[in-house]
N, C-alpha and C. Protein backbone atom coordinates (compact mmCIF):
# COMPACT_ATOMS: atom_id res chain seq x y z
N MET A 1 -56.86 131.58 -90.36
CA MET A 1 -55.75 130.82 -90.91
C MET A 1 -55.69 131.04 -92.41
N LEU A 2 -54.59 130.64 -92.96
CA LEU A 2 -54.39 130.70 -94.39
C LEU A 2 -55.32 129.67 -95.02
N LYS A 3 -56.18 130.14 -95.92
CA LYS A 3 -57.12 129.22 -96.55
C LYS A 3 -56.41 128.48 -97.67
N VAL A 4 -56.44 127.16 -97.58
CA VAL A 4 -55.74 126.30 -98.53
C VAL A 4 -56.78 125.51 -99.32
N SER A 5 -56.54 125.35 -100.60
CA SER A 5 -57.43 124.59 -101.46
C SER A 5 -57.54 123.15 -100.99
N ASP A 6 -58.72 122.55 -101.22
CA ASP A 6 -58.90 121.14 -100.89
C ASP A 6 -57.95 120.25 -101.67
N LEU A 7 -57.53 120.71 -102.83
CA LEU A 7 -56.55 119.95 -103.61
C LEU A 7 -55.24 119.83 -102.85
N VAL A 8 -54.74 120.95 -102.34
CA VAL A 8 -53.48 120.95 -101.58
C VAL A 8 -53.64 120.16 -100.29
N SER A 9 -54.74 120.40 -99.56
CA SER A 9 -54.97 119.66 -98.31
C SER A 9 -55.07 118.16 -98.55
N GLY A 10 -55.81 117.78 -99.59
CA GLY A 10 -55.98 116.37 -99.90
C GLY A 10 -54.67 115.70 -100.26
N LEU A 11 -53.87 116.38 -101.07
CA LEU A 11 -52.57 115.81 -101.44
C LEU A 11 -51.63 115.71 -100.24
N ALA A 12 -51.69 116.69 -99.34
CA ALA A 12 -50.86 116.64 -98.13
C ALA A 12 -51.29 115.48 -97.23
N ILE A 13 -52.60 115.30 -97.07
CA ILE A 13 -53.09 114.20 -96.25
C ILE A 13 -52.73 112.86 -96.88
N ALA A 14 -52.86 112.76 -98.20
CA ALA A 14 -52.50 111.52 -98.90
C ALA A 14 -51.01 111.24 -98.74
N GLY A 15 -50.19 112.28 -98.83
CA GLY A 15 -48.75 112.11 -98.65
C GLY A 15 -48.42 111.63 -97.25
N LEU A 16 -49.08 112.20 -96.25
CA LEU A 16 -48.87 111.76 -94.88
C LEU A 16 -49.28 110.30 -94.71
N GLY A 17 -50.42 109.93 -95.30
CA GLY A 17 -50.88 108.55 -95.21
C GLY A 17 -49.92 107.57 -95.85
N ILE A 18 -49.39 107.95 -97.01
CA ILE A 18 -48.42 107.09 -97.69
C ILE A 18 -47.15 106.96 -96.85
N PHE A 19 -46.70 108.07 -96.27
CA PHE A 19 -45.51 108.04 -95.42
C PHE A 19 -45.72 107.11 -94.23
N ILE A 20 -46.87 107.22 -93.57
CA ILE A 20 -47.17 106.35 -92.42
C ILE A 20 -47.22 104.89 -92.85
N PHE A 21 -47.87 104.63 -93.98
CA PHE A 21 -47.98 103.26 -94.48
C PHE A 21 -46.60 102.67 -94.76
N VAL A 22 -45.75 103.41 -95.45
CA VAL A 22 -44.42 102.93 -95.79
C VAL A 22 -43.58 102.71 -94.53
N GLN A 23 -43.65 103.65 -93.59
CA GLN A 23 -42.87 103.51 -92.36
C GLN A 23 -43.34 102.32 -91.53
N SER A 24 -44.64 102.04 -91.54
CA SER A 24 -45.16 100.93 -90.75
C SER A 24 -44.66 99.58 -91.27
N ARG A 25 -44.31 99.51 -92.53
CA ARG A 25 -43.80 98.26 -93.11
C ARG A 25 -42.46 97.87 -92.49
N SER A 26 -41.75 98.83 -91.91
CA SER A 26 -40.44 98.53 -91.34
C SER A 26 -40.52 98.06 -89.88
N PHE A 27 -41.72 98.01 -89.31
CA PHE A 27 -41.86 97.55 -87.93
C PHE A 27 -41.51 96.07 -87.86
N PRO A 28 -40.75 95.66 -86.85
CA PRO A 28 -40.36 94.24 -86.76
C PRO A 28 -41.54 93.37 -86.33
N ALA A 29 -41.55 92.15 -86.82
CA ALA A 29 -42.56 91.17 -86.41
C ALA A 29 -42.18 90.65 -85.02
N ILE A 30 -43.20 90.38 -84.21
CA ILE A 30 -42.97 89.91 -82.85
C ILE A 30 -43.63 88.55 -82.67
N GLY A 31 -42.83 87.51 -82.59
CA GLY A 31 -43.32 86.17 -82.26
C GLY A 31 -44.45 85.69 -83.16
N ASN A 32 -45.31 84.90 -82.59
CA ASN A 32 -46.44 84.31 -83.31
C ASN A 32 -47.75 85.00 -82.96
N ILE A 33 -47.78 86.31 -83.05
CA ILE A 33 -49.03 87.01 -82.77
C ILE A 33 -49.83 87.15 -84.05
N ALA A 34 -51.16 87.15 -83.92
CA ALA A 34 -52.04 87.15 -85.08
C ALA A 34 -51.95 88.47 -85.86
N VAL A 35 -51.85 89.58 -85.16
CA VAL A 35 -51.81 90.88 -85.82
C VAL A 35 -50.43 91.47 -85.62
N ALA A 36 -49.74 91.72 -86.72
CA ALA A 36 -48.39 92.29 -86.65
C ALA A 36 -48.45 93.73 -86.15
N PRO A 37 -47.37 94.22 -85.51
CA PRO A 37 -47.36 95.59 -85.01
C PRO A 37 -47.57 96.64 -86.11
N SER A 38 -47.30 96.27 -87.34
CA SER A 38 -47.45 97.22 -88.45
C SER A 38 -48.88 97.30 -88.98
N PHE A 39 -49.77 96.41 -88.53
CA PHE A 39 -51.10 96.34 -89.12
C PHE A 39 -51.91 97.63 -88.93
N TYR A 40 -52.09 98.07 -87.69
CA TYR A 40 -52.94 99.23 -87.45
C TYR A 40 -52.34 100.54 -87.97
N PRO A 41 -51.04 100.80 -87.77
CA PRO A 41 -50.49 102.00 -88.40
C PRO A 41 -50.59 101.94 -89.93
N GLY A 42 -50.38 100.77 -90.49
CA GLY A 42 -50.51 100.64 -91.94
C GLY A 42 -51.93 100.87 -92.41
N LEU A 43 -52.89 100.37 -91.65
CA LEU A 43 -54.30 100.58 -91.98
C LEU A 43 -54.66 102.07 -91.89
N ILE A 44 -54.21 102.72 -90.83
CA ILE A 44 -54.47 104.15 -90.67
C ILE A 44 -53.83 104.94 -91.82
N GLY A 45 -52.60 104.59 -92.18
CA GLY A 45 -51.93 105.26 -93.28
C GLY A 45 -52.67 105.08 -94.60
N ALA A 46 -53.12 103.85 -94.85
CA ALA A 46 -53.86 103.58 -96.09
C ALA A 46 -55.17 104.36 -96.14
N VAL A 47 -55.89 104.39 -95.02
CA VAL A 47 -57.16 105.13 -94.97
C VAL A 47 -56.90 106.63 -95.15
N LEU A 48 -55.87 107.15 -94.51
CA LEU A 48 -55.53 108.56 -94.69
C LEU A 48 -55.22 108.87 -96.15
N ALA A 49 -54.44 108.00 -96.78
CA ALA A 49 -54.08 108.21 -98.19
C ALA A 49 -55.33 108.20 -99.07
N LEU A 50 -56.22 107.25 -98.84
CA LEU A 50 -57.44 107.18 -99.64
C LEU A 50 -58.34 108.40 -99.42
N CYS A 51 -58.48 108.82 -98.17
CA CYS A 51 -59.31 109.99 -97.87
C CYS A 51 -58.70 111.26 -98.48
N GLY A 52 -57.39 111.38 -98.40
CA GLY A 52 -56.72 112.53 -98.99
C GLY A 52 -56.89 112.57 -100.50
N LEU A 53 -56.75 111.42 -101.15
CA LEU A 53 -56.95 111.36 -102.59
C LEU A 53 -58.40 111.66 -102.96
N ALA A 54 -59.34 111.19 -102.15
CA ALA A 54 -60.75 111.48 -102.41
C ALA A 54 -61.03 112.98 -102.28
N LEU A 55 -60.44 113.62 -101.27
CA LEU A 55 -60.63 115.06 -101.10
C LEU A 55 -60.04 115.83 -102.27
N ALA A 56 -58.83 115.46 -102.69
CA ALA A 56 -58.19 116.13 -103.82
C ALA A 56 -58.98 115.89 -105.11
N GLY A 57 -59.42 114.66 -105.31
CA GLY A 57 -60.21 114.34 -106.50
C GLY A 57 -61.52 115.10 -106.55
N ALA A 58 -62.19 115.21 -105.40
CA ALA A 58 -63.45 115.95 -105.34
C ALA A 58 -63.22 117.43 -105.67
N ALA A 59 -62.12 117.98 -105.21
CA ALA A 59 -61.81 119.39 -105.51
C ALA A 59 -61.60 119.58 -107.01
N LEU A 60 -60.93 118.63 -107.63
CA LEU A 60 -60.71 118.71 -109.09
C LEU A 60 -62.02 118.58 -109.85
N LEU A 61 -62.87 117.65 -109.43
CA LEU A 61 -64.13 117.41 -110.14
C LEU A 61 -65.09 118.59 -110.04
N ARG A 62 -65.13 119.27 -108.92
CA ARG A 62 -66.05 120.40 -108.79
C ARG A 62 -65.41 121.71 -109.23
N GLY A 63 -64.17 121.64 -109.70
CA GLY A 63 -63.50 122.83 -110.22
C GLY A 63 -63.07 123.81 -109.15
N ALA A 64 -62.87 123.30 -107.94
CA ALA A 64 -62.50 124.17 -106.81
C ALA A 64 -61.04 124.02 -106.44
N ALA A 65 -60.22 123.58 -107.39
CA ALA A 65 -58.81 123.36 -107.08
C ALA A 65 -58.02 124.65 -107.03
N LEU A 66 -58.47 125.69 -107.71
CA LEU A 66 -57.77 126.97 -107.74
C LEU A 66 -58.63 128.03 -107.09
N PRO A 67 -58.09 129.00 -106.45
CA PRO A 67 -56.67 129.20 -106.17
C PRO A 67 -56.18 128.24 -105.10
N LEU A 68 -54.89 127.96 -105.14
CA LEU A 68 -54.34 127.02 -104.17
C LEU A 68 -54.31 127.59 -102.76
N PHE A 69 -54.04 128.90 -102.65
CA PHE A 69 -53.97 129.57 -101.35
C PHE A 69 -54.72 130.89 -101.45
N VAL A 70 -55.41 131.26 -100.37
CA VAL A 70 -56.06 132.56 -100.27
C VAL A 70 -55.51 133.23 -99.02
N ARG A 71 -55.00 134.43 -99.19
CA ARG A 71 -54.40 135.16 -98.07
C ARG A 71 -55.48 135.93 -97.32
N PRO A 72 -55.76 135.56 -96.07
CA PRO A 72 -56.81 136.24 -95.31
C PRO A 72 -56.35 137.62 -94.83
N ALA A 73 -57.32 138.44 -94.40
CA ALA A 73 -57.03 139.81 -93.99
C ALA A 73 -56.11 139.87 -92.77
N TRP A 74 -56.27 138.96 -91.82
CA TRP A 74 -55.46 139.01 -90.60
C TRP A 74 -53.99 138.78 -90.89
N PHE A 75 -53.69 138.19 -92.03
CA PHE A 75 -52.32 137.85 -92.40
C PHE A 75 -51.46 139.09 -92.66
N SER A 76 -52.11 140.22 -92.86
CA SER A 76 -51.35 141.45 -93.17
C SER A 76 -50.73 142.07 -91.91
N LYS A 77 -51.13 141.64 -90.73
CA LYS A 77 -50.56 142.17 -89.48
C LYS A 77 -49.43 141.26 -89.02
N PRO A 78 -48.20 141.80 -88.93
CA PRO A 78 -47.05 140.97 -88.53
C PRO A 78 -47.22 140.28 -87.17
N ALA A 79 -47.87 140.93 -86.22
CA ALA A 79 -48.05 140.33 -84.89
C ALA A 79 -48.88 139.06 -84.97
N ASN A 80 -49.85 139.03 -85.86
CA ASN A 80 -50.67 137.82 -86.03
C ASN A 80 -49.85 136.68 -86.64
N VAL A 81 -49.01 137.02 -87.60
CA VAL A 81 -48.16 136.01 -88.23
C VAL A 81 -47.18 135.44 -87.22
N VAL A 82 -46.61 136.30 -86.38
CA VAL A 82 -45.68 135.85 -85.34
C VAL A 82 -46.39 134.90 -84.38
N ALA A 83 -47.61 135.22 -84.00
CA ALA A 83 -48.36 134.37 -83.07
C ALA A 83 -48.62 133.00 -83.68
N VAL A 84 -48.98 132.96 -84.94
CA VAL A 84 -49.26 131.68 -85.59
C VAL A 84 -47.97 130.86 -85.75
N LEU A 85 -46.90 131.50 -86.14
CA LEU A 85 -45.63 130.79 -86.33
C LEU A 85 -45.00 130.38 -85.00
N ALA A 86 -45.40 131.02 -83.91
CA ALA A 86 -44.84 130.70 -82.59
C ALA A 86 -45.22 129.28 -82.15
N VAL A 87 -46.37 128.80 -82.59
CA VAL A 87 -46.82 127.47 -82.16
C VAL A 87 -45.90 126.37 -82.70
N PRO A 88 -45.70 126.25 -84.02
CA PRO A 88 -44.76 125.21 -84.46
C PRO A 88 -43.33 125.47 -84.01
N ALA A 89 -42.95 126.74 -83.89
CA ALA A 89 -41.60 127.06 -83.41
C ALA A 89 -41.41 126.57 -81.98
N SER A 90 -42.45 126.67 -81.16
CA SER A 90 -42.34 126.22 -79.77
C SER A 90 -42.19 124.70 -79.69
N ILE A 91 -42.83 123.99 -80.60
CA ILE A 91 -42.69 122.53 -80.62
C ILE A 91 -41.26 122.15 -80.97
N VAL A 92 -40.71 122.81 -81.97
CA VAL A 92 -39.32 122.55 -82.37
C VAL A 92 -38.37 122.94 -81.24
N ALA A 93 -38.62 124.09 -80.63
CA ALA A 93 -37.76 124.56 -79.54
C ALA A 93 -37.78 123.58 -78.37
N TYR A 94 -38.96 123.06 -78.02
CA TYR A 94 -39.03 122.10 -76.93
C TYR A 94 -38.21 120.86 -77.26
N GLY A 95 -38.36 120.36 -78.48
CA GLY A 95 -37.61 119.17 -78.88
C GLY A 95 -36.11 119.36 -78.86
N LEU A 96 -35.65 120.56 -79.21
CA LEU A 96 -34.22 120.83 -79.24
C LEU A 96 -33.65 121.18 -77.87
N LEU A 97 -34.41 121.91 -77.06
CA LEU A 97 -33.89 122.41 -75.79
C LEU A 97 -34.07 121.45 -74.61
N SER A 98 -35.15 120.70 -74.57
CA SER A 98 -35.42 119.90 -73.37
C SER A 98 -34.34 118.88 -73.04
N PRO A 99 -33.73 118.21 -74.02
CA PRO A 99 -32.65 117.29 -73.62
C PRO A 99 -31.44 118.02 -73.04
N ARG A 100 -31.24 119.26 -73.44
CA ARG A 100 -30.06 120.00 -72.99
C ARG A 100 -30.27 120.73 -71.66
N ILE A 101 -31.39 121.46 -71.56
CA ILE A 101 -31.57 122.27 -70.35
C ILE A 101 -32.64 121.72 -69.42
N GLY A 102 -33.33 120.65 -69.84
CA GLY A 102 -34.29 120.00 -68.96
C GLY A 102 -35.72 120.44 -69.19
N PHE A 103 -36.61 119.64 -68.63
CA PHE A 103 -38.04 119.86 -68.81
C PHE A 103 -38.51 121.17 -68.19
N LEU A 104 -38.13 121.41 -66.95
CA LEU A 104 -38.65 122.59 -66.25
C LEU A 104 -38.26 123.89 -66.95
N ALA A 105 -37.00 124.05 -67.24
CA ALA A 105 -36.55 125.29 -67.89
C ALA A 105 -37.16 125.44 -69.27
N THR A 106 -37.18 124.36 -70.03
CA THR A 106 -37.72 124.42 -71.39
C THR A 106 -39.22 124.71 -71.37
N SER A 107 -39.94 124.04 -70.50
CA SER A 107 -41.39 124.26 -70.43
C SER A 107 -41.70 125.69 -70.04
N PHE A 108 -40.98 126.22 -69.10
CA PHE A 108 -41.19 127.61 -68.69
C PHE A 108 -40.91 128.57 -69.85
N LEU A 109 -39.79 128.36 -70.54
CA LEU A 109 -39.44 129.24 -71.66
C LEU A 109 -40.45 129.13 -72.80
N VAL A 110 -40.86 127.93 -73.13
CA VAL A 110 -41.81 127.74 -74.22
C VAL A 110 -43.17 128.33 -73.86
N ALA A 111 -43.66 128.05 -72.66
CA ALA A 111 -44.97 128.56 -72.26
C ALA A 111 -44.97 130.08 -72.20
N SER A 112 -43.96 130.66 -71.59
CA SER A 112 -43.92 132.12 -71.51
C SER A 112 -43.73 132.74 -72.90
N GLY A 113 -42.93 132.11 -73.75
CA GLY A 113 -42.75 132.61 -75.10
C GLY A 113 -44.04 132.59 -75.90
N LEU A 114 -44.80 131.51 -75.77
CA LEU A 114 -46.08 131.43 -76.47
C LEU A 114 -47.06 132.49 -75.97
N LEU A 115 -47.13 132.64 -74.67
CA LEU A 115 -48.04 133.65 -74.12
C LEU A 115 -47.65 135.05 -74.56
N LEU A 116 -46.36 135.34 -74.59
CA LEU A 116 -45.91 136.65 -75.05
C LEU A 116 -46.19 136.83 -76.54
N ALA A 117 -46.04 135.77 -77.33
CA ALA A 117 -46.33 135.85 -78.76
C ALA A 117 -47.81 136.14 -79.01
N PHE A 118 -48.66 135.67 -78.11
CA PHE A 118 -50.09 135.94 -78.23
C PHE A 118 -50.49 137.22 -77.48
N ARG A 119 -49.51 138.04 -77.19
CA ARG A 119 -49.68 139.38 -76.63
C ARG A 119 -50.35 139.41 -75.25
N VAL A 120 -50.01 138.42 -74.43
CA VAL A 120 -50.43 138.44 -73.03
C VAL A 120 -49.40 139.30 -72.28
N ARG A 121 -49.84 140.05 -71.29
CA ARG A 121 -48.93 140.92 -70.54
C ARG A 121 -47.79 140.12 -69.93
N VAL A 122 -46.64 140.77 -69.78
CA VAL A 122 -45.40 140.09 -69.36
C VAL A 122 -45.56 139.42 -68.01
N LEU A 123 -46.02 140.14 -67.01
CA LEU A 123 -46.15 139.56 -65.67
C LEU A 123 -47.13 138.39 -65.67
N THR A 124 -48.25 138.55 -66.34
CA THR A 124 -49.24 137.48 -66.44
C THR A 124 -48.64 136.27 -67.15
N SER A 125 -47.86 136.51 -68.21
CA SER A 125 -47.22 135.42 -68.94
C SER A 125 -46.25 134.65 -68.06
N LEU A 126 -45.44 135.35 -67.31
CA LEU A 126 -44.44 134.69 -66.46
C LEU A 126 -45.10 133.89 -65.35
N ILE A 127 -46.10 134.46 -64.71
CA ILE A 127 -46.80 133.76 -63.62
C ILE A 127 -47.52 132.52 -64.17
N THR A 128 -48.22 132.68 -65.28
CA THR A 128 -48.95 131.56 -65.88
C THR A 128 -48.00 130.46 -66.34
N ALA A 129 -46.89 130.85 -66.97
CA ALA A 129 -45.91 129.86 -67.42
C ALA A 129 -45.33 129.09 -66.24
N PHE A 130 -45.06 129.79 -65.14
CA PHE A 130 -44.54 129.13 -63.95
C PHE A 130 -45.55 128.12 -63.40
N LEU A 131 -46.81 128.54 -63.28
CA LEU A 131 -47.84 127.65 -62.74
C LEU A 131 -48.09 126.44 -63.65
N VAL A 132 -48.11 126.67 -64.94
CA VAL A 132 -48.31 125.56 -65.89
C VAL A 132 -47.14 124.59 -65.82
N THR A 133 -45.93 125.10 -65.74
CA THR A 133 -44.75 124.25 -65.67
C THR A 133 -44.76 123.39 -64.40
N VAL A 134 -45.08 123.99 -63.28
CA VAL A 134 -45.15 123.25 -62.02
C VAL A 134 -46.25 122.20 -62.08
N ALA A 135 -47.41 122.58 -62.61
CA ALA A 135 -48.52 121.63 -62.72
C ALA A 135 -48.15 120.44 -63.62
N LEU A 136 -47.54 120.71 -64.76
CA LEU A 136 -47.13 119.63 -65.65
C LEU A 136 -46.09 118.73 -65.01
N TYR A 137 -45.16 119.32 -64.27
CA TYR A 137 -44.14 118.52 -63.59
C TYR A 137 -44.80 117.61 -62.54
N LEU A 138 -45.71 118.17 -61.75
CA LEU A 138 -46.38 117.38 -60.73
C LEU A 138 -47.22 116.26 -61.34
N ILE A 139 -47.90 116.56 -62.43
CA ILE A 139 -48.75 115.55 -63.06
C ILE A 139 -47.91 114.44 -63.68
N PHE A 140 -46.95 114.81 -64.51
CA PHE A 140 -46.23 113.79 -65.26
C PHE A 140 -45.07 113.16 -64.49
N ALA A 141 -44.24 113.95 -63.87
CA ALA A 141 -43.07 113.40 -63.20
C ALA A 141 -43.42 112.74 -61.87
N ILE A 142 -44.26 113.37 -61.09
CA ILE A 142 -44.57 112.86 -59.76
C ILE A 142 -45.72 111.85 -59.80
N THR A 143 -46.85 112.24 -60.38
CA THR A 143 -48.03 111.37 -60.35
C THR A 143 -47.89 110.18 -61.29
N PHE A 144 -47.57 110.44 -62.56
CA PHE A 144 -47.51 109.36 -63.55
C PHE A 144 -46.12 108.74 -63.69
N ARG A 145 -45.13 109.32 -63.02
CA ARG A 145 -43.75 108.83 -63.04
C ARG A 145 -43.19 108.72 -64.46
N VAL A 146 -43.51 109.72 -65.28
CA VAL A 146 -42.97 109.79 -66.64
C VAL A 146 -41.56 110.35 -66.55
N PRO A 147 -40.59 109.66 -67.13
CA PRO A 147 -39.22 110.19 -67.08
C PRO A 147 -39.08 111.40 -68.01
N LEU A 148 -38.94 112.57 -67.41
CA LEU A 148 -38.78 113.81 -68.18
C LEU A 148 -37.30 114.14 -68.31
N PRO A 149 -36.94 114.88 -69.35
CA PRO A 149 -35.52 115.23 -69.52
C PRO A 149 -35.02 116.04 -68.33
N TYR A 150 -33.89 115.61 -67.77
CA TYR A 150 -33.32 116.30 -66.62
C TYR A 150 -32.39 117.40 -67.06
N GLY A 151 -32.42 118.45 -66.31
CA GLY A 151 -31.51 119.58 -66.52
C GLY A 151 -30.90 119.94 -65.18
N VAL A 152 -30.39 121.11 -65.08
CA VAL A 152 -29.75 121.56 -63.86
C VAL A 152 -30.74 121.61 -62.70
N ILE A 153 -31.92 122.14 -62.95
CA ILE A 153 -32.91 122.32 -61.88
C ILE A 153 -33.45 120.98 -61.40
N GLU A 154 -33.74 120.06 -62.33
CA GLU A 154 -34.33 118.79 -61.94
C GLU A 154 -33.43 117.93 -61.06
N ARG A 155 -32.12 118.14 -61.17
CA ARG A 155 -31.21 117.35 -60.34
C ARG A 155 -31.36 117.66 -58.86
N LEU A 156 -31.93 118.82 -58.56
CA LEU A 156 -32.14 119.23 -57.17
C LEU A 156 -33.47 118.73 -56.61
N LEU A 157 -34.36 118.23 -57.48
CA LEU A 157 -35.69 117.81 -57.06
C LEU A 157 -35.72 116.32 -56.78
N PRO A 158 -36.74 115.86 -56.00
CA PRO A 158 -36.86 114.42 -55.69
C PRO A 158 -37.20 113.59 -56.91
């Protein structure tokens, strides 16, 4: 992976913690319960922010804040970069496609796309993606009764 300075990592973690803390303040209060729904997310956000600031501060104190980024050797091969970028791209693709084309089609496309990005053979990728999609559908939709996004294919299933 791209080696990132502890200063950058610490500031990113602190930023995430602050974001979580601020967002948790908007949670509505529920009745007369002792612990508000915002308490634990707010606590987690505060701890993340403190840990991130401690990490960034430690990097500054030991003089290890620079360089901010170090480019590793594997980064020079485009296929490796594509494989790494395929993971967050697949998360975004699932979020955008699943409400429109449904869980089964999206899961199959995302799984096969990830396998192909990691240079798995085409036939192996397609078979594995199909089996993973069916297994996930059986586990979540049938066993746990999780409502998955419906598409054209799901309308034909029980």
